[in-house]
Amino acid sequence: ITHVGMYFGNGRFIHATGEQGVTIMPLAAEPYSRQFKCARRLSA
């Protein structure tokens, strides 16, 4: 695992990136779409 972000809704996620700081972008954007590894949700 080399990076983490948070799903924001409507196909977008929010994360802190070296290029833009904290920003919102489409999960379909490359390279993030192909680098997607897994997702996790806070459990009860």
PDB file of all heavy atoms in Angstrom:
ATOM      1  N   ILE A   1       0.867  -1.181   0.000  1.00  0.00           N
ATOM      2  CA  ILE A   1       0.000   0.000   0.000  1.00  0.00           C
ATOM      3  C   ILE A   1       0.902   1.228   0.000  1.00  0.00           C
ATOM      4  O   ILE A   1       1.787   1.354   0.854  1.00  0.00           O
ATOM      5  CB  ILE A   1      -0.922   0.039   1.237  1.00  0.00           C
ATOM      6  CG1 ILE A   1      -1.838  -1.183   1.284  1.00  0.00           C
ATOM      7  CG2 ILE A   1      -1.719   1.337   1.270  1.00  0.00           C
ATOM      8  CD1 ILE A   1      -2.903  -1.221   0.219  1.00  0.00           C
ATOM      9  N   THR A   2       0.678   2.130  -0.942  1.00  0.00           N
ATOM     10  CA  THR A   2       1.525   3.321  -1.021  1.00  0.00           C
ATOM     11  C   THR A   2       0.754   4.622  -0.844  1.00  0.00           C
ATOM     12  O   THR A   2       1.368   5.683  -0.719  1.00  0.00           O
ATOM     13  CB  THR A   2       2.240   3.371  -2.383  1.00  0.00           C
ATOM     14  OG1 THR A   2       1.248   3.404  -3.437  1.00  0.00           O
ATOM     15  CG2 THR A   2       3.138   2.157  -2.583  1.00  0.00           C
ATOM     16  N   HIS A   3      -0.592   4.548  -0.825  1.00  0.00           N
ATOM     17  CA  HIS A   3      -1.382   5.784  -0.757  1.00  0.00           C
ATOM     18  C   HIS A   3      -2.775   5.460  -0.226  1.00  0.00           C
ATOM     19  O   HIS A   3      -3.264   4.330  -0.368  1.00  0.00           O
ATOM     20  CB  HIS A   3      -1.482   6.406  -2.155  1.00  0.00           C
ATOM     21  CG  HIS A   3      -2.087   7.777  -2.176  1.00  0.00           C
ATOM     22  ND1 HIS A   3      -1.540   8.856  -1.506  1.00  0.00           N
ATOM     23  CD2 HIS A   3      -3.214   8.260  -2.780  1.00  0.00           C
ATOM     24  CE1 HIS A   3      -2.283   9.940  -1.713  1.00  0.00           C
ATOM     25  NE2 HIS A   3      -3.311   9.591  -2.470  1.00  0.00           N
ATOM     26  N   VAL A   4      -3.399   6.457   0.410  1.00  0.00           N
ATOM     27  CA  VAL A   4      -4.758   6.289   0.925  1.00  0.00           C
ATOM     28  C   VAL A   4      -5.542   7.575   0.703  1.00  0.00           C
ATOM     29  O   VAL A   4      -4.998   8.679   0.758  1.00  0.00           O
ATOM     30  CB  VAL A   4      -4.759   5.907   2.426  1.00  0.00           C
ATOM     31  CG1 VAL A   4      -4.095   6.980   3.284  1.00  0.00           C
ATOM     32  CG2 VAL A   4      -6.173   5.625   2.920  1.00  0.00           C
ATOM     33  N   GLY A   5      -6.817   7.417   0.430  1.00  0.00           N
ATOM     34  CA  GLY A   5      -7.737   8.534   0.316  1.00  0.00           C
ATOM     35  C   GLY A   5      -9.077   8.145   0.903  1.00  0.00           C
ATOM     36  O   GLY A   5      -9.235   7.063   1.474  1.00  0.00           O
ATOM     37  N   MET A   6     -10.055   9.020   0.778  1.00  0.00           N
ATOM     38  CA  MET A   6     -11.384   8.772   1.337  1.00  0.00           C
ATOM     39  C   MET A   6     -12.436   9.017   0.256  1.00  0.00           C
ATOM     40  O   MET A   6     -12.394  10.051  -0.433  1.00  0.00           O
ATOM     41  CB  MET A   6     -11.628   9.701   2.533  1.00  0.00           C
ATOM     42  CG  MET A   6     -13.012   9.570   3.164  1.00  0.00           C
ATOM     43  SD  MET A   6     -13.197  10.664   4.596  1.00  0.00           S
ATOM     44  CE  MET A   6     -12.066   9.897   5.756  1.00  0.00           C
ATOM     45  N   TYR A   7     -13.349   8.076   0.115  1.00  0.00           N
ATOM     46  CA  TYR A   7     -14.409   8.244  -0.878  1.00  0.00           C
ATOM     47  C   TYR A   7     -15.305   9.401  -0.460  1.00  0.00           C
ATOM     48  O   TYR A   7     -15.707   9.517   0.696  1.00  0.00           O
ATOM     49  CB  TYR A   7     -15.222   6.960  -1.013  1.00  0.00           C
ATOM     50  CG  TYR A   7     -16.162   6.984  -2.201  1.00  0.00           C
ATOM     51  CD1 TYR A   7     -15.665   6.981  -3.505  1.00  0.00           C
ATOM     52  CD2 TYR A   7     -17.543   7.022  -2.019  1.00  0.00           C
ATOM     53  CE1 TYR A   7     -16.514   7.014  -4.597  1.00  0.00           C
ATOM     54  CE2 TYR A   7     -18.401   7.054  -3.108  1.00  0.00           C
ATOM     55  CZ  TYR A   7     -17.878   7.052  -4.401  1.00  0.00           C
ATOM     56  OH  TYR A   7     -18.729   7.096  -5.471  1.00  0.00           O
ATOM     57  N   PHE A   8     -15.625  10.254  -1.443  1.00  0.00           N
ATOM     58  CA  PHE A   8     -16.373  11.476  -1.163  1.00  0.00           C
ATOM     59  C   PHE A   8     -17.802  11.424  -1.679  1.00  0.00           C
ATOM     60  O   PHE A   8     -18.645  12.209  -1.281  1.00  0.00           O
ATOM     61  CB  PHE A   8     -15.645  12.671  -1.787  1.00  0.00           C
ATOM     62  CG  PHE A   8     -16.113  14.007  -1.307  1.00  0.00           C
ATOM     63  CD1 PHE A   8     -15.866  14.417  -0.002  1.00  0.00           C
ATOM     64  CD2 PHE A   8     -16.815  14.861  -2.146  1.00  0.00           C
ATOM     65  CE1 PHE A   8     -16.298  15.652   0.452  1.00  0.00           C
ATOM     66  CE2 PHE A   8     -17.250  16.102  -1.705  1.00  0.00           C
ATOM     67  CZ  PHE A   8     -16.995  16.492  -0.401  1.00  0.00           C
ATOM     68  N   GLY A   9     -18.061  10.464  -2.548  1.00  0.00           N
ATOM     69  CA  GLY A   9     -19.382  10.345  -3.154  1.00  0.00           C
ATOM     70  C   GLY A   9     -19.370  10.758  -4.619  1.00  0.00           C
ATOM     71  O   GLY A   9     -18.473  11.476  -5.075  1.00  0.00           O
ATOM     72  N   ASN A  10     -20.345  10.261  -5.383  1.00  0.00           N
ATOM     73  CA  ASN A  10     -20.481  10.611  -6.806  1.00  0.00           C
ATOM     74  C   ASN A  10     -19.224  10.312  -7.610  1.00  0.00           C
ATOM     75  O   ASN A  10     -18.836  11.089  -8.499  1.00  0.00           O
ATOM     76  CB  ASN A  10     -20.863  12.084  -6.966  1.00  0.00           C
ATOM     77  CG  ASN A  10     -22.203  12.414  -6.337  1.00  0.00           C
ATOM     78  OD1 ASN A  10     -23.151  11.640  -6.461  1.00  0.00           O
ATOM     79  ND2 ASN A  10     -22.284  13.541  -5.644  1.00  0.00           N
ATOM     80  N   GLY A  11     -18.602   9.174  -7.299  1.00  0.00           N
ATOM     81  CA  GLY A  11     -17.438   8.747  -8.066  1.00  0.00           C
ATOM     82  C   GLY A  11     -16.171   9.528  -7.789  1.00  0.00           C
ATOM     83  O   GLY A  11     -15.187   9.400  -8.524  1.00  0.00           O
ATOM     84  N   ARG A  12     -16.147  10.322  -6.718  1.00  0.00           N
ATOM     85  CA  ARG A  12     -14.980  11.130  -6.394  1.00  0.00           C
ATOM     86  C   ARG A  12     -14.382  10.713  -5.055  1.00  0.00           C
ATOM     87  O   ARG A  12     -15.050  10.141  -4.206  1.00  0.00           O
ATOM     88  CB  ARG A  12     -15.348  12.612  -6.351  1.00  0.00           C
ATOM     89  CG  ARG A  12     -15.916  13.155  -7.661  1.00  0.00           C
ATOM     90  CD  ARG A  12     -16.238  14.632  -7.554  1.00  0.00           C
ATOM     91  NE  ARG A  12     -17.226  14.890  -6.511  1.00  0.00           N
ATOM     92  CZ  ARG A  12     -17.470  16.083  -5.984  1.00  0.00           C
ATOM     93  NH1 ARG A  12     -16.761  17.130  -6.372  1.00  0.00           N
ATOM     94  NH2 ARG A  12     -18.387  16.241  -5.062  1.00  0.00           N
ATOM     95  N   PHE A  13     -13.102  11.025  -4.881  1.00  0.00           N
ATOM     96  CA  PHE A  13     -12.451  10.784  -3.590  1.00  0.00           C
ATOM     97  C   PHE A  13     -11.604  11.989  -3.218  1.00  0.00           C
ATOM     98  O   PHE A  13     -11.264  12.823  -4.055  1.00  0.00           O
ATOM     99  CB  PHE A  13     -11.641   9.484  -3.611  1.00  0.00           C
ATOM    100  CG  PHE A  13     -10.325   9.554  -4.349  1.00  0.00           C
ATOM    101  CD1 PHE A  13      -9.122   9.517  -3.652  1.00  0.00           C
ATOM    102  CD2 PHE A  13     -10.277   9.621  -5.739  1.00  0.00           C
ATOM    103  CE1 PHE A  13      -7.902   9.557  -4.319  1.00  0.00           C
ATOM    104  CE2 PHE A  13      -9.072   9.656  -6.415  1.00  0.00           C
ATOM    105  CZ  PHE A  13      -7.881   9.630  -5.710  1.00  0.00           C
ATOM    106  N   ILE A  14     -11.299  12.085  -1.936  1.00  0.00           N
ATOM    107  CA  ILE A  14     -10.528  13.203  -1.402  1.00  0.00           C
ATOM    108  C   ILE A  14      -9.267  12.646  -0.763  1.00  0.00           C
ATOM    109  O   ILE A  14      -9.307  11.622  -0.073  1.00  0.00           O
ATOM    110  CB  ILE A  14     -11.381  14.018  -0.402  1.00  0.00           C
ATOM    111  CG1 ILE A  14     -10.624  15.239   0.110  1.00  0.00           C
ATOM    112  CG2 ILE A  14     -11.892  13.159   0.743  1.00  0.00           C
ATOM    113  CD1 ILE A  14     -11.516  16.215   0.898  1.00  0.00           C
ATOM    114  N   HIS A  15      -8.148  13.297  -1.024  1.00  0.00           N
ATOM    115  CA  HIS A  15      -6.874  12.794  -0.507  1.00  0.00           C
ATOM    116  C   HIS A  15      -5.845  13.916  -0.460  1.00  0.00           C
ATOM    117  O   HIS A  15      -6.062  15.009  -1.003  1.00  0.00           O
ATOM    118  CB  HIS A  15      -6.368  11.635  -1.376  1.00  0.00           C
ATOM    119  CG  HIS A  15      -6.057  12.006  -2.801  1.00  0.00           C
ATOM    120  ND1 HIS A  15      -5.109  11.350  -3.549  1.00  0.00           N
ATOM    121  CD2 HIS A  15      -6.567  12.963  -3.638  1.00  0.00           C
ATOM    122  CE1 HIS A  15      -5.044  11.861  -4.767  1.00  0.00           C
ATOM    123  NE2 HIS A  15      -5.923  12.838  -4.840  1.00  0.00           N
ATOM    124  N   ALA A  16      -4.723  13.635   0.202  1.00  0.00           N
ATOM    125  CA  ALA A  16      -3.601  14.569   0.259  1.00  0.00           C
ATOM    126  C   ALA A  16      -2.531  14.071  -0.697  1.00  0.00           C
ATOM    127  O   ALA A  16      -2.000  12.970  -0.524  1.00  0.00           O
ATOM    128  CB  ALA A  16      -3.044  14.664   1.676  1.00  0.00           C
ATOM    129  N   THR A  17      -2.254  14.863  -1.707  1.00  0.00           N
ATOM    130  CA  THR A  17      -1.289  14.476  -2.726  1.00  0.00           C
ATOM    131  C   THR A  17      -0.146  15.474  -2.791  1.00  0.00           C
ATOM    132  O   THR A  17      -0.357  16.671  -2.539  1.00  0.00           O
ATOM    133  CB  THR A  17      -1.968  14.374  -4.102  1.00  0.00           C
ATOM    134  OG1 THR A  17      -0.988  14.252  -5.129  1.00  0.00           O
ATOM    135  CG2 THR A  17      -2.822  15.595  -4.397  1.00  0.00           C
ATOM    136  N   GLY A  18       1.034  14.982  -3.107  1.00  0.00           N
ATOM    137  CA  GLY A  18       2.202  15.847  -3.158  1.00  0.00           C
ATOM    138  C   GLY A  18       2.090  16.962  -4.175  1.00  0.00           C
ATOM    139  O   GLY A  18       2.725  18.002  -4.034  1.00  0.00           O
ATOM    140  N   GLU A  19       1.282  16.769  -5.220  1.00  0.00           N
ATOM    141  CA  GLU A  19       1.151  17.780  -6.259  1.00  0.00           C
ATOM    142  C   GLU A  19       0.175  18.896  -5.886  1.00  0.00           C
ATOM    143  O   GLU A  19       0.387  20.063  -6.237  1.00  0.00           O
ATOM    144  CB  GLU A  19       0.680  17.131  -7.574  1.00  0.00           C
ATOM    145  CG  GLU A  19       1.700  16.201  -8.218  1.00  0.00           C
ATOM    146  CD  GLU A  19       1.761  14.853  -7.530  1.00  0.00           C
ATOM    147  OE1 GLU A  19       0.800  14.503  -6.815  1.00  0.00           O
ATOM    148  OE2 GLU A  19       2.781  14.156  -7.698  1.00  0.00           O
ATOM    149  N   GLN A  20      -0.930  18.550  -5.171  1.00  0.00           N
ATOM    150  CA  GLN A  20      -1.989  19.524  -4.944  1.00  0.00           C
ATOM    151  C   GLN A  20      -2.398  19.698  -3.487  1.00  0.00           C
ATOM    152  O   GLN A  20      -3.278  20.500  -3.194  1.00  0.00           O
ATOM    153  CB  GLN A  20      -3.233  19.123  -5.750  1.00  0.00           C
ATOM    154  CG  GLN A  20      -3.013  19.019  -7.241  1.00  0.00           C
ATOM    155  CD  GLN A  20      -4.266  18.588  -7.980  1.00  0.00           C
ATOM    156  OE1 GLN A  20      -5.272  19.299  -7.979  1.00  0.00           O
ATOM    157  NE2 GLN A  20      -4.222  17.409  -8.585  1.00  0.00           N
ATOM    158  N   GLY A  21      -1.800  18.982  -2.563  1.00  0.00           N
ATOM    159  CA  GLY A  21      -2.277  19.009  -1.186  1.00  0.00           C
ATOM    160  C   GLY A  21      -3.598  18.277  -1.098  1.00  0.00           C
ATOM    161  O   GLY A  21      -3.883  17.365  -1.884  1.00  0.00           O
ATOM    162  N   VAL A  22      -4.438  18.660  -0.153  1.00  0.00           N
ATOM    163  CA  VAL A  22      -5.736  18.002   0.004  1.00  0.00           C
ATOM    164  C   VAL A  22      -6.658  18.473  -1.111  1.00  0.00           C
ATOM    165  O   VAL A  22      -6.928  19.676  -1.246  1.00  0.00           O
ATOM    166  CB  VAL A  22      -6.350  18.296   1.381  1.00  0.00           C
ATOM    167  CG1 VAL A  22      -7.725  17.629   1.503  1.00  0.00           C
ATOM    168  CG2 VAL A  22      -5.428  17.801   2.499  1.00  0.00           C
ATOM    169  N   THR A  23      -7.144  17.532  -1.902  1.00  0.00           N
ATOM    170  CA  THR A  23      -7.948  17.866  -3.071  1.00  0.00           C
ATOM    171  C   THR A  23      -8.956  16.760  -3.351  1.00  0.00           C
ATOM    172  O   THR A  23      -8.817  15.643  -2.855  1.00  0.00           O
ATOM    173  CB  THR A  23      -7.033  18.077  -4.303  1.00  0.00           C
ATOM    174  OG1 THR A  23      -7.804  18.589  -5.378  1.00  0.00           O
ATOM    175  CG2 THR A  23      -6.368  16.782  -4.728  1.00  0.00           C
ATOM    176  N   ILE A  24      -9.974  17.082  -4.141  1.00  0.00           N
ATOM    177  CA  ILE A  24     -11.002  16.125  -4.541  1.00  0.00           C
ATOM    178  C   ILE A  24     -10.840  15.842  -6.026  1.00  0.00           C
ATOM    179  O   ILE A  24     -10.649  16.774  -6.825  1.00  0.00           O
ATOM    180  CB  ILE A  24     -12.415  16.692  -4.274  1.00  0.00           C
ATOM    181  CG1 ILE A  24     -12.586  17.010  -2.785  1.00  0.00           C
ATOM    182  CG2 ILE A  24     -13.489  15.699  -4.722  1.00  0.00           C
ATOM    183  CD1 ILE A  24     -13.862  17.771  -2.469  1.00  0.00           C
ATOM    184  N   MET A  25     -10.931  14.559  -6.407  1.00  0.00           N
ATOM    185  CA  MET A  25     -10.791  14.210  -7.813  1.00  0.00           C
ATOM    186  C   MET A  25     -11.567  12.944  -8.125  1.00  0.00           C
ATOM    187  O   MET A  25     -11.947  12.203  -7.211  1.00  0.00           O
ATOM    188  CB  MET A  25      -9.316  14.058  -8.185  1.00  0.00           C
ATOM    189  CG  MET A  25      -8.588  12.959  -7.471  1.00  0.00           C
ATOM    190  SD  MET A  25      -6.780  13.062  -7.715  1.00  0.00           S
ATOM    191  CE  MET A  25      -6.658  13.309  -9.474  1.00  0.00           C
ATOM    192  N   PRO A  26     -11.828  12.668  -9.409  1.00  0.00           N
ATOM    193  CA  PRO A  26     -12.559  11.452  -9.775  1.00  0.00           C
ATOM    194  C   PRO A  26     -11.740  10.193  -9.478  1.00  0.00           C
ATOM    195  O   PRO A  26     -10.532  10.165  -9.738  1.00  0.00           O
ATOM    196  CB  PRO A  26     -12.792  11.611 -11.278  1.00  0.00           C
ATOM    197  CG  PRO A  26     -12.572  13.057 -11.570  1.00  0.00           C
ATOM    198  CD  PRO A  26     -11.561  13.529 -10.575  1.00  0.00           C
ATOM    199  N   LEU A  27     -12.387   9.169  -8.966  1.00  0.00           N
ATOM    200  CA  LEU A  27     -11.702   7.906  -8.733  1.00  0.00           C
ATOM    201  C   LEU A  27     -11.311   7.264 -10.067  1.00  0.00           C
ATOM    202  O   LEU A  27     -10.387   6.460 -10.121  1.00  0.00           O
ATOM    203  CB  LEU A  27     -12.599   6.963  -7.925  1.00  0.00           C
ATOM    204  CG  LEU A  27     -12.009   5.613  -7.516  1.00  0.00           C
ATOM    205  CD1 LEU A  27     -10.695   5.779  -6.759  1.00  0.00           C
ATOM    206  CD2 LEU A  27     -13.017   4.835  -6.674  1.00  0.00           C
ATOM    207  N   ALA A  28     -11.999   7.635 -11.140  1.00  0.00           N
ATOM    208  CA  ALA A  28     -11.693   7.102 -12.462  1.00  0.00           C
ATOM    209  C   ALA A  28     -10.428   7.718 -13.055  1.00  0.00           C
ATOM    210  O   ALA A  28      -9.927   7.249 -14.084  1.00  0.00           O
ATOM    211  CB  ALA A  28     -12.874   7.335 -13.408  1.00  0.00           C
ATOM    212  N   ALA A  29      -9.894   8.781 -12.424  1.00  0.00           N
ATOM    213  CA  ALA A  29      -8.693   9.433 -12.952  1.00  0.00           C
ATOM    214  C   ALA A  29      -7.489   8.513 -12.806  1.00  0.00           C
ATOM    215  O   ALA A  29      -7.365   7.746 -11.846  1.00  0.00           O
ATOM    216  CB  ALA A  29      -8.447  10.746 -12.207  1.00  0.00           C
ATOM    217  N   GLU A  30      -6.603   8.587 -13.787  1.00  0.00           N
ATOM    218  CA  GLU A  30      -5.352   7.830 -13.713  1.00  0.00           C
ATOM    219  C   GLU A  30      -4.277   8.674 -13.040  1.00  0.00           C
ATOM    220  O   GLU A  30      -4.305   9.900 -13.118  1.00  0.00           O
ATOM    221  CB  GLU A  30      -4.905   7.415 -15.125  1.00  0.00           C
ATOM    222  CG  GLU A  30      -5.847   6.443 -15.816  1.00  0.00           C
ATOM    223  CD  GLU A  30      -5.959   5.096 -15.110  1.00  0.00           C
ATOM    224  OE1 GLU A  30      -5.136   4.814 -14.204  1.00  0.00           O
ATOM    225  OE2 GLU A  30      -6.892   4.344 -15.439  1.00  0.00           O
ATOM    226  N   PRO A  31      -3.362   8.016 -12.314  1.00  0.00           N
ATOM    227  CA  PRO A  31      -3.187   6.561 -12.235  1.00  0.00           C
ATOM    228  C   PRO A  31      -4.019   5.881 -11.152  1.00  0.00           C
ATOM    229  O   PRO A  31      -3.894   4.677 -10.943  1.00  0.00           O
ATOM    230  CB  PRO A  31      -1.696   6.432 -11.913  1.00  0.00           C
ATOM    231  CG  PRO A  31      -1.441   7.611 -11.013  1.00  0.00           C
ATOM    232  CD  PRO A  31      -2.294   8.733 -11.581  1.00  0.00           C
ATOM    233  N   TYR A  32      -4.871   6.637 -10.463  1.00  0.00           N
ATOM    234  CA  TYR A  32      -5.534   6.093  -9.276  1.00  0.00           C
ATOM    235  C   TYR A  32      -6.504   4.963  -9.604  1.00  0.00           C
ATOM    236  O   TYR A  32      -6.628   3.998  -8.836  1.00  0.00           O
ATOM    237  CB  TYR A  32      -6.226   7.218  -8.512  1.00  0.00           C
ATOM    238  CG  TYR A  32      -5.242   8.259  -8.039  1.00  0.00           C
ATOM    239  CD1 TYR A  32      -5.124   9.485  -8.680  1.00  0.00           C
ATOM    240  CD2 TYR A  32      -4.380   7.989  -6.974  1.00  0.00           C
ATOM    241  CE1 TYR A  32      -4.201  10.418  -8.270  1.00  0.00           C
ATOM    242  CE2 TYR A  32      -3.445   8.916  -6.555  1.00  0.00           C
ATOM    243  CZ  TYR A  32      -3.364  10.137  -7.207  1.00  0.00           C
ATOM    244  OH  TYR A  32      -2.430  11.057  -6.805  1.00  0.00           O
ATOM    245  N   SER A  33      -7.191   5.050 -10.738  1.00  0.00           N
ATOM    246  CA  SER A  33      -8.149   4.002 -11.078  1.00  0.00           C
ATOM    247  C   SER A  33      -7.472   2.639 -11.186  1.00  0.00           C
ATOM    248  O   SER A  33      -7.940   1.646 -10.623  1.00  0.00           O
ATOM    249  CB  SER A  33      -8.856   4.343 -12.393  1.00  0.00           C
ATOM    250  OG  SER A  33      -9.817   3.349 -12.707  1.00  0.00           O
ATOM    251  N   ARG A  34      -6.344   2.575 -11.902  1.00  0.00           N
ATOM    252  CA  ARG A  34      -5.663   1.281 -12.058  1.00  0.00           C
ATOM    253  C   ARG A  34      -4.852   0.896 -10.830  1.00  0.00           C
ATOM    254  O   ARG A  34      -4.514  -0.273 -10.643  1.00  0.00           O
ATOM    255  CB  ARG A  34      -4.786   1.299 -13.306  1.00  0.00           C
ATOM    256  CG  ARG A  34      -3.632   2.289 -13.263  1.00  0.00           C
ATOM    257  CD  ARG A  34      -2.799   2.186 -14.544  1.00  0.00           C
ATOM    258  NE  ARG A  34      -1.874   3.280 -14.665  1.00  0.00           N
ATOM    259  CZ  ARG A  34      -0.703   3.350 -14.036  1.00  0.00           C
ATOM    260  NH1 ARG A  34      -0.341   2.370 -13.219  1.00  0.00           N
ATOM    261  NH2 ARG A  34       0.086   4.400 -14.206  1.00  0.00           N
ATOM    262  N   GLN A  35      -4.523   1.868  -9.977  1.00  0.00           N
ATOM    263  CA  GLN A  35      -3.754   1.556  -8.768  1.00  0.00           C
ATOM    264  C   GLN A  35      -4.648   1.194  -7.580  1.00  0.00           C
ATOM    265  O   GLN A  35      -4.134   0.859  -6.512  1.00  0.00           O
ATOM    266  CB  GLN A  35      -2.860   2.748  -8.397  1.00  0.00           C
ATOM    267  CG  GLN A  35      -1.737   2.996  -9.384  1.00  0.00           C
ATOM    268  CD  GLN A  35      -0.881   4.191  -9.019  1.00  0.00           C
ATOM    269  OE1 GLN A  35      -1.234   4.985  -8.142  1.00  0.00           O
ATOM    270  NE2 GLN A  35       0.251   4.349  -9.697  1.00  0.00           N
ATOM    271  N   PHE A  36      -5.967   1.264  -7.771  1.00  0.00           N
ATOM    272  CA  PHE A  36      -6.905   0.912  -6.697  1.00  0.00           C
ATOM    273  C   PHE A  36      -6.583  -0.491  -6.187  1.00  0.00           C
ATOM    274  O   PHE A  36      -6.492  -1.449  -6.945  1.00  0.00           O
ATOM    275  CB  PHE A  36      -8.341   0.957  -7.232  1.00  0.00           C
ATOM    276  CG  PHE A  36      -9.382   0.570  -6.209  1.00  0.00           C
ATOM    277  CD1 PHE A  36     -10.038   1.532  -5.464  1.00  0.00           C
ATOM    278  CD2 PHE A  36      -9.716  -0.763  -6.000  1.00  0.00           C
ATOM    279  CE1 PHE A  36     -11.002   1.180  -4.526  1.00  0.00           C
ATOM    280  CE2 PHE A  36     -10.679  -1.127  -5.070  1.00  0.00           C
ATOM    281  CZ  PHE A  36     -11.323  -0.152  -4.327  1.00  0.00           C
ATOM    282  N   LYS A  37      -6.425  -0.596  -4.862  1.00  0.00           N
ATOM    283  CA  LYS A  37      -6.058  -1.876  -4.254  1.00  0.00           C
ATOM    284  C   LYS A  37      -7.215  -2.477  -3.464  1.00  0.00           C
ATOM    285  O   LYS A  37      -7.583  -3.628  -3.632  1.00  0.00           O
ATOM    286  CB  LYS A  37      -4.852  -1.666  -3.333  1.00  0.00           C
ATOM    287  CG  LYS A  37      -4.396  -2.902  -2.574  1.00  0.00           C
ATOM    288  CD  LYS A  37      -3.625  -3.846  -3.450  1.00  0.00           C
ATOM    289  CE  LYS A  37      -2.988  -4.955  -2.619  1.00  0.00           C
ATOM    290  NZ  LYS A  37      -2.219  -5.890  -3.469  1.00  0.00           N
ATOM    291  N   CYS A  38      -7.812  -1.683  -2.570  1.00  0.00           N
ATOM    292  CA  CYS A  38      -8.895  -2.173  -1.738  1.00  0.00           C
ATOM    293  C   CYS A  38      -9.583  -0.995  -1.063  1.00  0.00           C
ATOM    294  O   CYS A  38      -9.094   0.137  -1.116  1.00  0.00           O
ATOM    295  CB  CYS A  38      -8.386  -3.161  -0.683  1.00  0.00           C
ATOM    296  SG  CYS A  38      -7.163  -2.470   0.464  1.00  0.00           S
ATOM    297  N   ALA A  39     -10.712  -1.267  -0.425  1.00  0.00           N
ATOM    298  CA  ALA A  39     -11.442  -0.231   0.309  1.00  0.00           C
ATOM    299  C   ALA A  39     -11.874  -0.786   1.647  1.00  0.00           C
ATOM    300  O   ALA A  39     -12.109  -1.994   1.794  1.00  0.00           O
ATOM    301  CB  ALA A  39     -12.641   0.249  -0.501  1.00  0.00           C
ATOM    302  N   ARG A  40     -11.990   0.097   2.623  1.00  0.00           N
ATOM    303  CA  ARG A  40     -12.358  -0.308   3.977  1.00  0.00           C
ATOM    304  C   ARG A  40     -13.380   0.672   4.551  1.00  0.00           C
ATOM    305  O   ARG A  40     -13.350   1.867   4.267  1.00  0.00           O
ATOM    306  CB  ARG A  40     -11.123  -0.338   4.890  1.00  0.00           C
ATOM    307  CG  ARG A  40     -10.038  -1.323   4.450  1.00  0.00           C
ATOM    308  CD  ARG A  40     -10.441  -2.749   4.727  1.00  0.00           C
ATOM    309  NE  ARG A  40      -9.374  -3.690   4.434  1.00  0.00           N
ATOM    310  CZ  ARG A  40      -9.250  -4.367   3.287  1.00  0.00           C
ATOM    311  NH1 ARG A  40     -10.143  -4.171   2.314  1.00  0.00           N
ATOM    312  NH2 ARG A  40      -8.258  -5.205   3.098  1.00  0.00           N
ATOM    313  N   ARG A  41     -14.267   0.132   5.385  1.00  0.00           N
ATOM    314  CA  ARG A  41     -15.318   0.929   6.032  1.00  0.00           C
ATOM    315  C   ARG A  41     -15.275   0.689   7.533  1.00  0.00           C
ATOM    316  O   ARG A  41     -15.078  -0.443   7.984  1.00  0.00           O
ATOM    317  CB  ARG A  41     -16.682   0.541   5.479  1.00  0.00           C
ATOM    318  CG  ARG A  41     -17.867   1.305   6.076  1.00  0.00           C
ATOM    319  CD  ARG A  41     -19.165   0.895   5.380  1.00  0.00           C
ATOM    320  NE  ARG A  41     -19.104   1.239   3.957  1.00  0.00           N
ATOM    321  CZ  ARG A  41     -19.857   0.655   3.019  1.00  0.00           C
ATOM    322  NH1 ARG A  41     -20.722  -0.290   3.344  1.00  0.00           N
ATOM    323  NH2 ARG A  41     -19.751   1.032   1.753  1.00  0.00           N
ATOM    324  N   LEU A  42     -15.455   1.748   8.295  1.00  0.00           N
ATOM    325  CA  LEU A  42     -15.492   1.628   9.755  1.00  0.00           C
ATOM    326  C   LEU A  42     -16.594   0.651  10.139  1.00  0.00           C
ATOM    327  O   LEU A  42     -17.727   0.785   9.701  1.00  0.00           O
ATOM    328  CB  LEU A  42     -15.739   3.000  10.392  1.00  0.00           C
ATOM    329  CG  LEU A  42     -15.541   3.102  11.903  1.00  0.00           C
ATOM    330  CD1 LEU A  42     -14.072   2.920  12.273  1.00  0.00           C
ATOM    331  CD2 LEU A  42     -16.038   4.454  12.401  1.00  0.00           C
ATOM    332  N   SER A  43     -16.252  -0.326  10.972  1.00  0.00           N
ATOM    333  CA  SER A  43     -17.232  -1.335  11.357  1.00  0.00           C
ATOM    334  C   SER A  43     -17.983  -0.924  12.607  1.00  0.00           C
ATOM    335  O   SER A  43     -17.585  -0.028  13.345  1.00  0.00           O
ATOM    336  CB  SER A  43     -16.543  -2.680  11.598  1.00  0.00           C
ATOM    337  OG  SER A  43     -15.865  -2.674  12.844  1.00  0.00           O
ATOM    338  N   ALA A  44     -19.072  -1.594  12.884  1.00  0.00           N
ATOM    339  CA  ALA A  44     -19.917  -1.280  14.041  1.00  0.00           C
ATOM    340  C   ALA A  44     -19.202  -1.568  15.346  1.00  0.00           C
ATOM    341  O   ALA A  44     -19.631  -1.126  16.409  1.00  0.00           O
ATOM    342  CB  ALA A  44     -21.211  -2.087  13.969  1.00  0.00           C
TER     343      ALA A  44
END
